PDB file of N, CA and C in Angstrom:
ATOM      1  N   MET A   1     -21.976 -23.887   2.969  1.00  0.00           N
ATOM      2  CA  MET A   1     -21.982 -24.130   1.538  1.00  0.00           C
ATOM      3  C   MET A   1     -22.844 -23.118   0.811  1.00  0.00           C
ATOM      4  N   LYS A   2     -23.983 -22.771   1.354  1.00  0.00           N
ATOM      5  CA  LYS A   2     -24.874 -21.807   0.722  1.00  0.00           C
ATOM      6  C   LYS A   2     -24.225 -20.427   0.676  1.00  0.00           C
ATOM      7  N   ARG A   3     -23.496 -20.077   1.748  1.00  0.00           N
ATOM      8  CA  ARG A   3     -22.822 -18.772   1.761  1.00  0.00           C
ATOM      9  C   ARG A   3     -21.806 -18.675   0.617  1.00  0.00           C
ATOM     10  N   TYR A   4     -21.045 -19.718   0.413  1.00  0.00           N
ATOM     11  CA  TYR A   4     -20.054 -19.739  -0.657  1.00  0.00           C
ATOM     12  C   TYR A   4     -20.762 -19.587  -2.004  1.00  0.00           C
ATOM     13  N   ALA A   5     -21.841 -20.299  -2.208  1.00  0.00           N
ATOM     14  CA  ALA A   5     -22.586 -20.206  -3.451  1.00  0.00           C
ATOM     15  C   ALA A   5     -23.079 -18.792  -3.683  1.00  0.00           C
ATOM     16  N   ARG A   6     -23.583 -18.157  -2.646  1.00  0.00           N
ATOM     17  CA  ARG A   6     -24.079 -16.779  -2.773  1.00  0.00           C
ATOM     18  C   ARG A   6     -22.925 -15.845  -3.125  1.00  0.00           C
ATOM     19  N   LEU A   7     -21.768 -15.977  -2.469  1.00  0.00           N
ATOM     20  CA  LEU A   7     -20.630 -15.122  -2.755  1.00  0.00           C
ATOM     21  C   LEU A   7     -20.115 -15.342  -4.157  1.00  0.00           C
ATOM     22  N   THR A   8     -20.091 -16.587  -4.581  1.00  0.00           N
ATOM     23  CA  THR A   8     -19.642 -16.894  -5.948  1.00  0.00           C
ATOM     24  C   THR A   8     -20.580 -16.260  -6.952  1.00  0.00           C
ATOM     25  N   GLY A   9     -21.878 -16.347  -6.698  1.00  0.00           N
ATOM     26  CA  GLY A   9     -22.869 -15.725  -7.593  1.00  0.00           C
ATOM     27  C   GLY A   9     -22.697 -14.229  -7.661  1.00  0.00           C
ATOM     28  N   VAL A  10     -22.416 -13.594  -6.538  1.00  0.00           N
ATOM     29  CA  VAL A  10     -22.190 -12.138  -6.503  1.00  0.00           C
ATOM     30  C   VAL A  10     -20.950 -11.785  -7.295  1.00  0.00           C
ATOM     31  N   ARG A  11     -19.883 -12.554  -7.098  1.00  0.00           N
ATOM     32  CA  ARG A  11     -18.641 -12.274  -7.818  1.00  0.00           C
ATOM     33  C   ARG A  11     -18.844 -12.440  -9.324  1.00  0.00           C
ATOM     34  N   GLU A  12     -19.539 -13.515  -9.737  1.00  0.00           N
ATOM     35  CA  GLU A  12     -19.790 -13.735 -11.164  1.00  0.00           C
ATOM     36  C   GLU A  12     -20.660 -12.615 -11.745  1.00  0.00           C
ATOM     37  N   LYS A  13     -21.660 -12.142 -11.003  1.00  0.00           N
ATOM     38  CA  LYS A  13     -22.510 -11.045 -11.451  1.00  0.00           C
ATOM     39  C   LYS A  13     -21.676  -9.778 -11.598  1.00  0.00           C
ATOM     40  N   LYS A  14     -20.822  -9.480 -10.616  1.00  0.00           N
ATOM     41  CA  LYS A  14     -19.988  -8.280 -10.688  1.00  0.00           C
ATOM     42  C   LYS A  14     -19.049  -8.352 -11.891  1.00  0.00           C
ATOM     43  N   GLU A  15     -18.458  -9.505 -12.155  1.00  0.00           N
ATOM     44  CA  GLU A  15     -17.576  -9.668 -13.311  1.00  0.00           C
ATOM     45  C   GLU A  15     -18.331  -9.428 -14.610  1.00  0.00           C
ATOM     46  N   ARG A  16     -19.572  -9.924 -14.710  1.00  0.00           N
ATOM     47  CA  ARG A  16     -20.370  -9.736 -15.914  1.00  0.00           C
ATOM     48  C   ARG A  16     -20.663  -8.241 -16.103  1.00  0.00           C
ATOM     49  N   GLU A  17     -20.950  -7.534 -14.993  1.00  0.00           N
ATOM     50  CA  GLU A  17     -21.260  -6.113 -15.065  1.00  0.00           C
ATOM     51  C   GLU A  17     -20.030  -5.304 -15.497  1.00  0.00           C
ATOM     52  N   GLU A  18     -18.838  -5.825 -15.277  1.00  0.00           N
ATOM     53  CA  GLU A  18     -17.631  -5.112 -15.593  1.00  0.00           C
ATOM     54  C   GLU A  18     -17.129  -5.456 -16.994  1.00  0.00           C
ATOM     55  N   GLN A  19     -17.937  -6.170 -17.748  1.00  0.00           N
ATOM     56  CA  GLN A  19     -17.588  -6.539 -19.106  1.00  0.00           C
ATOM     57  C   GLN A  19     -18.614  -5.959 -20.078  1.00  0.00           C
ATOM     58  N   ILE A  20     -18.128  -5.674 -21.262  1.00  0.00           N
ATOM     59  CA  ILE A  20     -19.018  -5.291 -22.368  1.00  0.00           C
ATOM     60  C   ILE A  20     -18.881  -6.380 -23.396  1.00  0.00           C
ATOM     61  N   VAL A  21     -19.993  -7.026 -23.699  1.00  0.00           N
ATOM     62  CA  VAL A  21     -20.009  -8.146 -24.636  1.00  0.00           C
ATOM     63  C   VAL A  21     -20.601  -7.684 -25.969  1.00  0.00           C
ATOM     64  N   ILE A  22     -19.814  -7.864 -27.030  1.00  0.00           N
ATOM     65  CA  ILE A  22     -20.207  -7.491 -28.356  1.00  0.00           C
ATOM     66  C   ILE A  22     -20.042  -8.750 -29.222  1.00  0.00           C
ATOM     67  N   GLY A  23     -21.086  -9.532 -29.314  1.00  0.00           N
ATOM     68  CA  GLY A  23     -20.978 -10.786 -30.061  1.00  0.00           C
ATOM     69  C   GLY A  23     -19.976 -11.694 -29.375  1.00  0.00           C
ATOM     70  N   ASP A  24     -18.929 -12.080 -30.096  1.00  0.00           N
ATOM     71  CA  ASP A  24     -17.903 -12.949 -29.492  1.00  0.00           C
ATOM     72  C   ASP A  24     -16.686 -12.161 -28.995  1.00  0.00           C
ATOM     73  N   VAL A  25     -16.856 -10.850 -28.879  1.00  0.00           N
ATOM     74  CA  VAL A  25     -15.820  -9.959 -28.343  1.00  0.00           C
ATOM     75  C   VAL A  25     -16.221  -9.511 -26.952  1.00  0.00           C
ATOM     76  N   VAL A  26     -15.287  -9.639 -26.000  1.00  0.00           N
ATOM     77  CA  VAL A  26     -15.535  -9.223 -24.637  1.00  0.00           C
ATOM     78  C   VAL A  26     -14.500  -8.159 -24.278  1.00  0.00           C
ATOM     79  N   LEU A  27     -15.002  -7.039 -23.832  1.00  0.00           N
ATOM     80  CA  LEU A  27     -14.170  -5.905 -23.426  1.00  0.00           C
ATOM     81  C   LEU A  27     -14.242  -5.749 -21.924  1.00  0.00           C
ATOM     82  N   GLU A  28     -13.090  -5.686 -21.273  1.00  0.00           N
ATOM     83  CA  GLU A  28     -13.025  -5.492 -19.836  1.00  0.00           C
ATOM     84  C   GLU A  28     -12.378  -4.147 -19.556  1.00  0.00           C
ATOM     85  N   PRO A  29     -13.188  -3.078 -19.410  1.00  0.00           N
ATOM     86  CA  PRO A  29     -12.626  -1.738 -19.250  1.00  0.00           C
ATOM     87  C   PRO A  29     -11.701  -1.566 -18.051  1.00  0.00           C
ATOM     88  N   LYS A  30     -11.979  -2.224 -16.937  1.00  0.00           N
ATOM     89  CA  LYS A  30     -11.144  -2.037 -15.749  1.00  0.00           C
ATOM     90  C   LYS A  30      -9.764  -2.688 -15.887  1.00  0.00           C
ATOM     91  N   THR A  31      -9.667  -3.745 -16.659  1.00  0.00           N
ATOM     92  CA  THR A  31      -8.372  -4.438 -16.807  1.00  0.00           C
ATOM     93  C   THR A  31      -7.703  -4.118 -18.132  1.00  0.00           C
ATOM     94  N   TRP A  32      -8.366  -3.334 -19.012  1.00  0.00           N
ATOM     95  CA  TRP A  32      -7.859  -2.986 -20.329  1.00  0.00           C
ATOM     96  C   TRP A  32      -7.578  -4.239 -21.167  1.00  0.00           C
ATOM     97  N   LYS A  33      -8.467  -5.222 -21.055  1.00  0.00           N
ATOM     98  CA  LYS A  33      -8.286  -6.440 -21.841  1.00  0.00           C
ATOM     99  C   LYS A  33      -9.456  -6.622 -22.793  1.00  0.00           C
ATOM    100  N   VAL A  34      -9.138  -7.238 -23.897  1.00  0.00           N
ATOM    101  CA  VAL A  34     -10.153  -7.562 -24.915  1.00  0.00           C
ATOM    102  C   VAL A  34      -9.944  -9.023 -25.304  1.00  0.00           C
ATOM    103  N   TRP A  35     -11.062  -9.726 -25.416  1.00  0.00           N
ATOM    104  CA  TRP A  35     -11.047 -11.142 -25.784  1.00  0.00           C
ATOM    105  C   TRP A  35     -11.922 -11.352 -26.996  1.00  0.00           C
ATOM    106  N   LYS A  36     -11.472 -12.174 -27.921  1.00  0.00           N
ATOM    107  CA  LYS A  36     -12.292 -12.573 -29.059  1.00  0.00           C
ATOM    108  C   LYS A  36     -12.260 -14.092 -29.125  1.00  0.00           C
ATOM    109  N   LYS A  37     -13.439 -14.665 -29.017  1.00  0.00           N
ATOM    110  CA  LYS A  37     -13.578 -16.109 -29.023  1.00  0.00           C
ATOM    111  C   LYS A  37     -12.640 -16.770 -28.021  1.00  0.00           C
ATOM    112  N   GLY A  38     -12.527 -16.136 -26.830  1.00  0.00           N
ATOM    113  CA  GLY A  38     -11.735 -16.709 -25.743  1.00  0.00           C
ATOM    114  C   GLY A  38     -10.236 -16.430 -25.853  1.00  0.00           C
ATOM    115  N   GLN A  39      -9.786 -15.796 -26.908  1.00  0.00           N
ATOM    116  CA  GLN A  39      -8.375 -15.480 -27.073  1.00  0.00           C
ATOM    117  C   GLN A  39      -8.157 -13.989 -26.798  1.00  0.00           C
ATOM    118  N   GLU A  40      -7.161 -13.668 -25.990  1.00  0.00           N
ATOM    119  CA  GLU A  40      -6.899 -12.259 -25.703  1.00  0.00           C
ATOM    120  C   GLU A  40      -6.371 -11.564 -26.958  1.00  0.00           C
ATOM    121  N   VAL A  41      -6.875 -10.361 -27.188  1.00  0.00           N
ATOM    122  CA  VAL A  41      -6.453  -9.507 -28.295  1.00  0.00           C
ATOM    123  C   VAL A  41      -5.712  -8.336 -27.708  1.00  0.00           C
ATOM    124  N   LYS A  42      -4.469  -8.171 -28.106  1.00  0.00           N
ATOM    125  CA  LYS A  42      -3.662  -7.072 -27.613  1.00  0.00           C
ATOM    126  C   LYS A  42      -3.952  -5.818 -28.417  1.00  0.00           C
ATOM    127  N   LEU A  43      -4.354  -4.753 -27.727  1.00  0.00           N
ATOM    128  CA  LEU A  43      -4.636  -3.481 -28.380  1.00  0.00           C
ATOM    129  C   LEU A  43      -3.760  -2.382 -27.802  1.00  0.00           C
ATOM    130  N   PRO A  44      -3.188  -1.550 -28.675  1.00  0.00           N
ATOM    131  CA  PRO A  44      -2.500  -0.365 -28.155  1.00  0.00           C
ATOM    132  C   PRO A  44      -3.514   0.567 -27.475  1.00  0.00           C
ATOM    133  N   ASN A  45      -3.052   1.489 -26.655  1.00  0.00           N
ATOM    134  CA  ASN A  45      -3.915   2.329 -25.876  1.00  0.00           C
ATOM    135  C   ASN A  45      -5.009   3.035 -26.667  1.00  0.00           C
ATOM    136  N   ARG A  46      -4.651   3.685 -27.753  1.00  0.00           N
ATOM    137  CA  ARG A  46      -5.642   4.458 -28.525  1.00  0.00           C
ATOM    138  C   ARG A  46      -6.703   3.540 -29.147  1.00  0.00           C
ATOM    139  N   GLU A  47      -6.309   2.372 -29.606  1.00  0.00           N
ATOM    140  CA  GLU A  47      -7.284   1.434 -30.147  1.00  0.00           C
ATOM    141  C   GLU A  47      -8.237   0.964 -29.047  1.00  0.00           C
ATOM    142  N   PHE A  48      -7.678   0.676 -27.864  1.00  0.00           N
ATOM    143  CA  PHE A  48      -8.517   0.265 -26.748  1.00  0.00           C
ATOM    144  C   PHE A  48      -9.484   1.386 -26.378  1.00  0.00           C
ATOM    145  N   GLU A  49      -8.991   2.605 -26.244  1.00  0.00           N
ATOM    146  CA  GLU A  49      -9.845   3.736 -25.880  1.00  0.00           C
ATOM    147  C   GLU A  49     -10.932   3.965 -26.893  1.00  0.00           C
ATOM    148  N   LEU A  50     -10.624   3.805 -28.160  1.00  0.00           N
ATOM    149  CA  LEU A  50     -11.611   3.978 -29.234  1.00  0.00           C
ATOM    150  C   LEU A  50     -12.666   2.898 -29.138  1.00  0.00           C
ATOM    151  N   LEU A  51     -12.253   1.658 -28.989  1.00  0.00           N
ATOM    152  CA  LEU A  51     -13.206   0.546 -28.856  1.00  0.00           C
ATOM    153  C   LEU A  51     -14.063   0.719 -27.624  1.00  0.00           C
ATOM    154  N   ARG A  52     -13.443   1.080 -26.520  1.00  0.00           N
ATOM    155  CA  ARG A  52     -14.216   1.274 -25.274  1.00  0.00           C
ATOM    156  C   ARG A  52     -15.249   2.371 -25.440  1.00  0.00           C
ATOM    157  N   PHE A  53     -14.848   3.504 -26.012  1.00  0.00           N
ATOM    158  CA  PHE A  53     -15.807   4.605 -26.206  1.00  0.00           C
ATOM    159  C   PHE A  53     -16.964   4.170 -27.065  1.00  0.00           C
ATOM    160  N   LEU A  54     -16.688   3.519 -28.189  1.00  0.00           N
ATOM    161  CA  LEU A  54     -17.759   3.055 -29.053  1.00  0.00           C
ATOM    162  C   LEU A  54     -18.638   2.025 -28.346  1.00  0.00           C
ATOM    163  N   ALA A  55     -18.022   1.112 -27.585  1.00  0.00           N
ATOM    164  CA  ALA A  55     -18.777   0.066 -26.901  1.00  0.00           C
ATOM    165  C   ALA A  55     -19.644   0.640 -25.786  1.00  0.00           C
ATOM    166  N   GLU A  56     -19.187   1.719 -25.176  1.00  0.00           N
ATOM    167  CA  GLU A  56     -19.983   2.358 -24.101  1.00  0.00           C
ATOM    168  C   GLU A  56     -21.094   3.244 -24.696  1.00  0.00           C
ATOM    169  N   ASN A  57     -21.043   3.453 -25.982  1.00  0.00           N
ATOM    170  CA  ASN A  57     -22.065   4.260 -26.680  1.00  0.00           C
ATOM    171  C   ASN A  57     -22.545   3.516 -27.914  1.00  0.00           C
ATOM    172  N   PRO A  58     -23.081   2.301 -27.744  1.00  0.00           N
ATOM    173  CA  PRO A  58     -23.450   1.491 -28.886  1.00  0.00           C
ATOM    174  C   PRO A  58     -24.602   2.084 -29.678  1.00  0.00           C
ATOM    175  N   ASN A  59     -24.609   1.760 -30.966  1.00  0.00           N
ATOM    176  CA  ASN A  59     -25.680   2.120 -31.861  1.00  0.00           C
ATOM    177  C   ASN A  59     -25.797   3.641 -32.124  1.00  0.00           C
ATOM    178  N   HIS A  60     -24.817   4.411 -31.684  1.00  0.00           N
ATOM    179  CA  HIS A  60     -24.756   5.864 -31.971  1.00  0.00           C
ATOM    180  C   HIS A  60     -23.724   6.085 -33.034  1.00  0.00           C
ATOM    181  N   VAL A  61     -23.979   7.002 -33.938  1.00  0.00           N
ATOM    182  CA  VAL A  61     -23.036   7.324 -34.979  1.00  0.00           C
ATOM    183  C   VAL A  61     -22.189   8.521 -34.537  1.00  0.00           C
ATOM    184  N   PHE A  62     -20.857   8.347 -34.692  1.00  0.00           N
ATOM    185  CA  PHE A  62     -19.921   9.410 -34.343  1.00  0.00           C
ATOM    186  C   PHE A  62     -19.099   9.736 -35.571  1.00  0.00           C
ATOM    187  N   SER A  63     -18.961  11.020 -35.852  1.00  0.00           N
ATOM    188  CA  SER A  63     -18.101  11.439 -36.968  1.00  0.00           C
ATOM    189  C   SER A  63     -16.648  11.199 -36.607  1.00  0.00           C
ATOM    190  N   LYS A  64     -15.802  11.160 -37.646  1.00  0.00           N
ATOM    191  CA  LYS A  64     -14.359  11.035 -37.412  1.00  0.00           C
ATOM    192  C   LYS A  64     -13.882  12.153 -36.521  1.00  0.00           C
ATOM    193  N   GLU A  65     -14.377  13.346 -36.753  1.00  0.00           N
ATOM    194  CA  GLU A  65     -13.939  14.522 -35.977  1.00  0.00           C
ATOM    195  C   GLU A  65     -14.344  14.385 -34.520  1.00  0.00           C
ATOM    196  N   ALA A  66     -15.542  13.921 -34.257  1.00  0.00           N
ATOM    197  CA  ALA A  66     -16.014  13.743 -32.890  1.00  0.00           C
ATOM    198  C   ALA A  66     -15.186  12.678 -32.167  1.00  0.00           C
ATOM    199  N   LEU A  67     -14.890  11.584 -32.856  1.00  0.00           N
ATOM    200  CA  LEU A  67     -14.077  10.526 -32.260  1.00  0.00           C
ATOM    201  C   LEU A  67     -12.661  11.012 -32.015  1.00  0.00           C
ATOM    202  N   PHE A  68     -12.106  11.762 -32.963  1.00  0.00           N
ATOM    203  CA  PHE A  68     -10.756  12.307 -32.789  1.00  0.00           C
ATOM    204  C   PHE A  68     -10.696  13.196 -31.571  1.00  0.00           C
ATOM    205  N   GLU A  69     -11.663  14.097 -31.447  1.00  0.00           N
ATOM    206  CA  GLU A  69     -11.697  15.005 -30.291  1.00  0.00           C
ATOM    207  C   GLU A  69     -11.818  14.243 -28.981  1.00  0.00           C
ATOM    208  N   LYS A  70     -12.677  13.236 -28.946  1.00  0.00           N
ATOM    209  CA  LYS A  70     -12.923  12.481 -27.720  1.00  0.00           C
ATOM    210  C   LYS A  70     -11.706  11.634 -27.326  1.00  0.00           C
ATOM    211  N   ILE A  71     -11.067  10.971 -28.264  1.00  0.00           N
ATOM    212  CA  ILE A  71      -9.994  10.032 -27.953  1.00  0.00           C
ATOM    213  C   ILE A  71      -8.604  10.719 -27.937  1.00  0.00           C
ATOM    214  N   TRP A  72      -8.347  11.569 -28.902  1.00  0.00           N
ATOM    215  CA  TRP A  72      -7.023  12.186 -29.000  1.00  0.00           C
ATOM    216  C   TRP A  72      -6.999  13.571 -28.371  1.00  0.00           C
ATOM    217  N   GLY A  73      -8.095  14.300 -28.430  1.00  0.00           N
ATOM    218  CA  GLY A  73      -8.150  15.636 -27.870  1.00  0.00           C
ATOM    219  C   GLY A  73      -7.647  16.690 -28.844  1.00  0.00           C
ATOM    220  N   TYR A  74      -7.968  17.929 -28.568  1.00  0.00           N
ATOM    221  CA  TYR A  74      -7.587  19.042 -29.427  1.00  0.00           C
ATOM    222  C   TYR A  74      -6.088  19.259 -29.494  1.00  0.00           C
ATOM    223  N   ASP A  75      -5.380  18.904 -28.422  1.00  0.00           N
ATOM    224  CA  ASP A  75      -3.934  19.202 -28.363  1.00  0.00           C
ATOM    225  C   ASP A  75      -3.079  18.260 -29.186  1.00  0.00           C
ATOM    226  N   TYR A  76      -3.637  17.186 -29.655  1.00  0.00           N
ATOM    227  CA  TYR A  76      -2.872  16.190 -30.366  1.00  0.00           C
ATOM    228  C   TYR A  76      -2.534  16.668 -31.784  1.00  0.00           C
ATOM    229  N   VAL A  77      -1.294  16.476 -32.195  1.00  0.00           N
ATOM    230  CA  VAL A  77      -0.851  16.945 -33.500  1.00  0.00           C
ATOM    231  C   VAL A  77      -1.118  15.838 -34.528  1.00  0.00           C
ATOM    232  N   SER A  78      -2.213  15.937 -35.202  1.00  0.00           N
ATOM    233  CA  SER A  78      -2.620  15.013 -36.275  1.00  0.00           C
ATOM    234  C   SER A  78      -3.975  15.519 -36.774  1.00  0.00           C
ATOM    235  N   ASP A  79      -4.695  14.660 -37.444  1.00  0.00           N
ATOM    236  CA  ASP A  79      -6.049  15.038 -37.858  1.00  0.00           C
ATOM    237  C   ASP A  79      -6.976  13.835 -37.788  1.00  0.00           C
ATOM    238  N   ALA A  80      -8.234  14.094 -38.120  1.00  0.00           N
ATOM    239  CA  ALA A  80      -9.257  13.076 -37.971  1.00  0.00           C
ATOM    240  C   ALA A  80      -9.035  11.848 -38.854  1.00  0.00           C
ATOM    241  N   ALA A  81      -8.190  11.962 -39.856  1.00  0.00           N
ATOM    242  CA  ALA A  81      -7.902  10.803 -40.719  1.00  0.00           C
ATOM    243  C   ALA A  81      -7.271   9.654 -39.937  1.00  0.00           C
ATOM    244  N   THR A  82      -6.626   9.984 -38.835  1.00  0.00           N
ATOM    245  CA  THR A  82      -6.004   8.948 -37.987  1.00  0.00           C
ATOM    246  C   THR A  82      -7.062   8.007 -37.418  1.00  0.00           C
ATOM    247  N   VAL A  83      -8.296   8.532 -37.276  1.00  0.00           N
ATOM    248  CA  VAL A  83      -9.414   7.701 -36.743  1.00  0.00           C
ATOM    249  C   VAL A  83      -9.660   6.533 -37.692  1.00  0.00           C
ATOM    250  N   ALA A  84      -9.683   6.807 -39.003  1.00  0.00           N
ATOM    251  CA  ALA A  84      -9.928   5.735 -39.990  1.00  0.00           C
ATOM    252  C   ALA A  84      -8.853   4.682 -39.913  1.00  0.00           C
ATOM    253  N   VAL A  85      -7.641   5.079 -39.715  1.00  0.00           N
ATOM    254  CA  VAL A  85      -6.534   4.108 -39.598  1.00  0.00           C
ATOM    255  C   VAL A  85      -6.733   3.198 -38.390  1.00  0.00           C
ATOM    256  N   HIS A  86      -7.090   3.819 -37.254  1.00  0.00           N
ATOM    257  CA  HIS A  86      -7.310   3.032 -36.044  1.00  0.00           C
ATOM    258  C   HIS A  86      -8.557   2.143 -36.141  1.00  0.00           C
ATOM    259  N   ILE A  87      -9.598   2.633 -36.790  1.00  0.00           N
ATOM    260  CA  ILE A  87     -10.787   1.806 -36.994  1.00  0.00           C
ATOM    261  C   ILE A  87     -10.433   0.595 -37.841  1.00  0.00           C
ATOM    262  N   ASN A  88      -9.651   0.778 -38.896  1.00  0.00           N
ATOM    263  CA  ASN A  88      -9.236  -0.349 -39.749  1.00  0.00           C
ATOM    264  C   ASN A  88      -8.405  -1.342 -38.963  1.00  0.00           C
ATOM    265  N   ARG A  89      -7.508  -0.876 -38.109  1.00  0.00           N
ATOM    266  CA  ARG A  89      -6.706  -1.800 -37.291  1.00  0.00           C
ATOM    267  C   ARG A  89      -7.583  -2.562 -36.318  1.00  0.00           C
ATOM    268  N   LEU A  90      -8.539  -1.887 -35.707  1.00  0.00           N
ATOM    269  CA  LEU A  90      -9.469  -2.583 -34.820  1.00  0.00           C
ATOM    270  C   LEU A  90     -10.246  -3.654 -35.558  1.00  0.00           C
ATOM    271  N   ARG A  91     -10.724  -3.315 -36.714  1.00  0.00           N
ATOM    272  CA  ARG A  91     -11.489  -4.287 -37.498  1.00  0.00           C
ATOM    273  C   ARG A  91     -10.657  -5.532 -37.808  1.00  0.00           C
ATOM    274  N   GLU A  92      -9.384  -5.348 -38.146  1.00  0.00           N
ATOM    275  CA  GLU A  92      -8.504  -6.481 -38.418  1.00  0.00           C
ATOM    276  C   GLU A  92      -8.417  -7.406 -37.210  1.00  0.00           C
ATOM    277  N   LYS A  93      -8.541  -6.846 -36.028  1.00  0.00           N
ATOM    278  CA  LYS A  93      -8.345  -7.627 -34.797  1.00  0.00           C
ATOM    279  C   LYS A  93      -9.621  -8.214 -34.223  1.00  0.00           C
ATOM    280  N   ILE A  94     -10.769  -7.541 -34.421  1.00  0.00           N
ATOM    281  CA  ILE A  94     -11.982  -8.023 -33.737  1.00  0.00           C
ATOM    282  C   ILE A  94     -13.071  -8.515 -34.659  1.00  0.00           C
ATOM    283  N   GLU A  95     -13.003  -8.165 -35.927  1.00  0.00           N
ATOM    284  CA  GLU A  95     -14.049  -8.586 -36.867  1.00  0.00           C
ATOM    285  C   GLU A  95     -13.725  -9.975 -37.418  1.00  0.00           C
ATOM    286  N   ASP A  96     -14.747 -10.765 -37.739  1.00  0.00           N
ATOM    287  CA  ASP A  96     -14.527 -12.034 -38.423  1.00  0.00           C
ATOM    288  C   ASP A  96     -14.037 -11.780 -39.859  1.00  0.00           C
ATOM    289  N   ASP A  97     -14.570 -10.755 -40.486  1.00  0.00           N
ATOM    290  CA  ASP A  97     -14.187 -10.375 -41.847  1.00  0.00           C
ATOM    291  C   ASP A  97     -14.055  -8.851 -41.873  1.00  0.00           C
ATOM    292  N   ALA A  98     -12.831  -8.354 -41.789  1.00  0.00           N
ATOM    293  CA  ALA A  98     -12.570  -6.915 -41.690  1.00  0.00           C
ATOM    294  C   ALA A  98     -13.088  -6.160 -42.923  1.00  0.00           C
ATOM    295  N   ARG A  99     -13.198  -6.847 -44.067  1.00  0.00           N
ATOM    296  CA  ARG A  99     -13.688  -6.184 -45.283  1.00  0.00           C
ATOM    297  C   ARG A  99     -15.196  -6.023 -45.280  1.00  0.00           C
ATOM    298  N   ASN A 100     -15.870  -6.816 -44.461  1.00  0.00           N
ATOM    299  CA  ASN A 100     -17.321  -6.725 -44.313  1.00  0.00           C
ATOM    300  C   ASN A 100     -17.643  -6.650 -42.831  1.00  0.00           C
ATOM    301  N   PRO A 101     -17.328  -5.550 -42.217  1.00  0.00           N
ATOM    302  CA  PRO A 101     -17.462  -5.446 -40.749  1.00  0.00           C
ATOM    303  C   PRO A 101     -18.918  -5.446 -40.296  1.00  0.00           C
ATOM    304  N   ARG A 102     -19.139  -6.118 -39.180  1.00  0.00           N
ATOM    305  CA  ARG A 102     -20.473  -6.143 -38.586  1.00  0.00           C
ATOM    306  C   ARG A 102     -20.472  -5.427 -37.239  1.00  0.00           C
ATOM    307  N   ILE A 103     -19.320  -5.369 -36.576  1.00  0.00           N
ATOM    308  CA  ILE A 103     -19.260  -4.747 -35.267  1.00  0.00           C
ATOM    309  C   ILE A 103     -19.117  -3.228 -35.391  1.00  0.00           C
ATOM    310  N   ILE A 104     -18.059  -2.783 -36.069  1.00  0.00           N
ATOM    311  CA  ILE A 104     -17.857  -1.348 -36.290  1.00  0.00           C
ATOM    312  C   ILE A 104     -18.201  -1.046 -37.723  1.00  0.00           C
ATOM    313  N   GLU A 105     -19.355  -0.405 -37.893  1.00  0.00           N
ATOM    314  CA  GLU A 105     -19.879  -0.135 -39.211  1.00  0.00           C
ATOM    315  C   GLU A 105     -19.582   1.287 -39.641  1.00  0.00           C
ATOM    316  N   THR A 106     -19.225   1.479 -40.922  1.00  0.00           N
ATOM    317  CA  THR A 106     -19.077   2.776 -41.483  1.00  0.00           C
ATOM    318  C   THR A 106     -20.438   3.267 -41.962  1.00  0.00           C
ATOM    319  N   ILE A 107     -20.830   4.440 -41.499  1.00  0.00           N
ATOM    320  CA  ILE A 107     -22.055   5.080 -41.976  1.00  0.00           C
ATOM    321  C   ILE A 107     -21.589   6.171 -42.919  1.00  0.00           C
ATOM    322  N   TRP A 108     -21.670   5.901 -44.212  1.00  0.00           N
ATOM    323  CA  TRP A 108     -21.099   6.795 -45.215  1.00  0.00           C
ATOM    324  C   TRP A 108     -21.658   8.215 -45.109  1.00  0.00           C
ATOM    325  N   GLY A 109     -20.733   9.165 -45.071  1.00  0.00           N
ATOM    326  CA  GLY A 109     -21.097  10.565 -44.954  1.00  0.00           C
ATOM    327  C   GLY A 109     -21.379  11.019 -43.544  1.00  0.00           C
ATOM    328  N   ALA A 110     -21.351  10.076 -42.593  1.00  0.00           N
ATOM    329  CA  ALA A 110     -21.667  10.449 -41.195  1.00  0.00           C
ATOM    330  C   ALA A 110     -20.567  10.049 -40.227  1.00  0.00           C
ATOM    331  N   GLY A 111     -20.075   8.811 -40.298  1.00  0.00           N
ATOM    332  CA  GLY A 111     -19.040   8.377 -39.349  1.00  0.00           C
ATOM    333  C   GLY A 111     -19.083   6.896 -39.102  1.00  0.00           C
ATOM    334  N   TYR A 112     -18.946   6.522 -37.835  1.00  0.00           N
ATOM    335  CA  TYR A 112     -18.873   5.108 -37.438  1.00  0.00           C
ATOM    336  C   TYR A 112     -19.854   4.805 -36.330  1.00  0.00           C
ATOM    337  N   ARG A 113     -20.311   3.544 -36.326  1.00  0.00           N
ATOM    338  CA  ARG A 113     -21.250   3.070 -35.292  1.00  0.00           C
ATOM    339  C   ARG A 113     -20.825   1.686 -34.867  1.00  0.00           C
ATOM    340  N   LEU A 114     -20.842   1.445 -33.576  1.00  0.00           N
ATOM    341  CA  LEU A 114     -20.625   0.102 -33.032  1.00  0.00           C
ATOM    342  C   LEU A 114     -22.006  -0.534 -32.857  1.00  0.00           C
ATOM    343  N   ASN A 115     -22.206  -1.653 -33.490  1.00  0.00           N
ATOM    344  CA  ASN A 115     -23.497  -2.358 -33.446  1.00  0.00           C
ATOM    345  C   ASN A 115     -23.517  -3.373 -32.334  1.00  0.00           C
ATOM    346  N   LEU A 116     -24.555  -3.326 -31.528  1.00  0.00           N
ATOM    347  CA  LEU A 116     -24.783  -4.363 -30.527  1.00  0.00           C
ATOM    348  C   LEU A 116     -25.961  -5.191 -30.904  1.00  0.00           C
TER     349      LEU A 116
END
């Protein structure tokens, strides 16, 4: 019985380490899943990659250009304005109030920051 309890504890610890928790949002990078208040949130690939990058670099401000380069790359035919569109879509899905975001904050004149 003790061995099972130890193994269960190890498995639970490993699962916690494989998650990024942002308030009531849980991001699972290995499974490409996002949960908000226990409900799965479906994200297209670019939105997921953007959220994961910001979540892995919390409290740092990234310009639209830096995010575009990191997520889309130089070869992608578009511009940094697409970042704002994806940020707005993410906010609609993960924020309690997308008009007053607390998770992904706009830093005027600088870019975006994910708050932990």
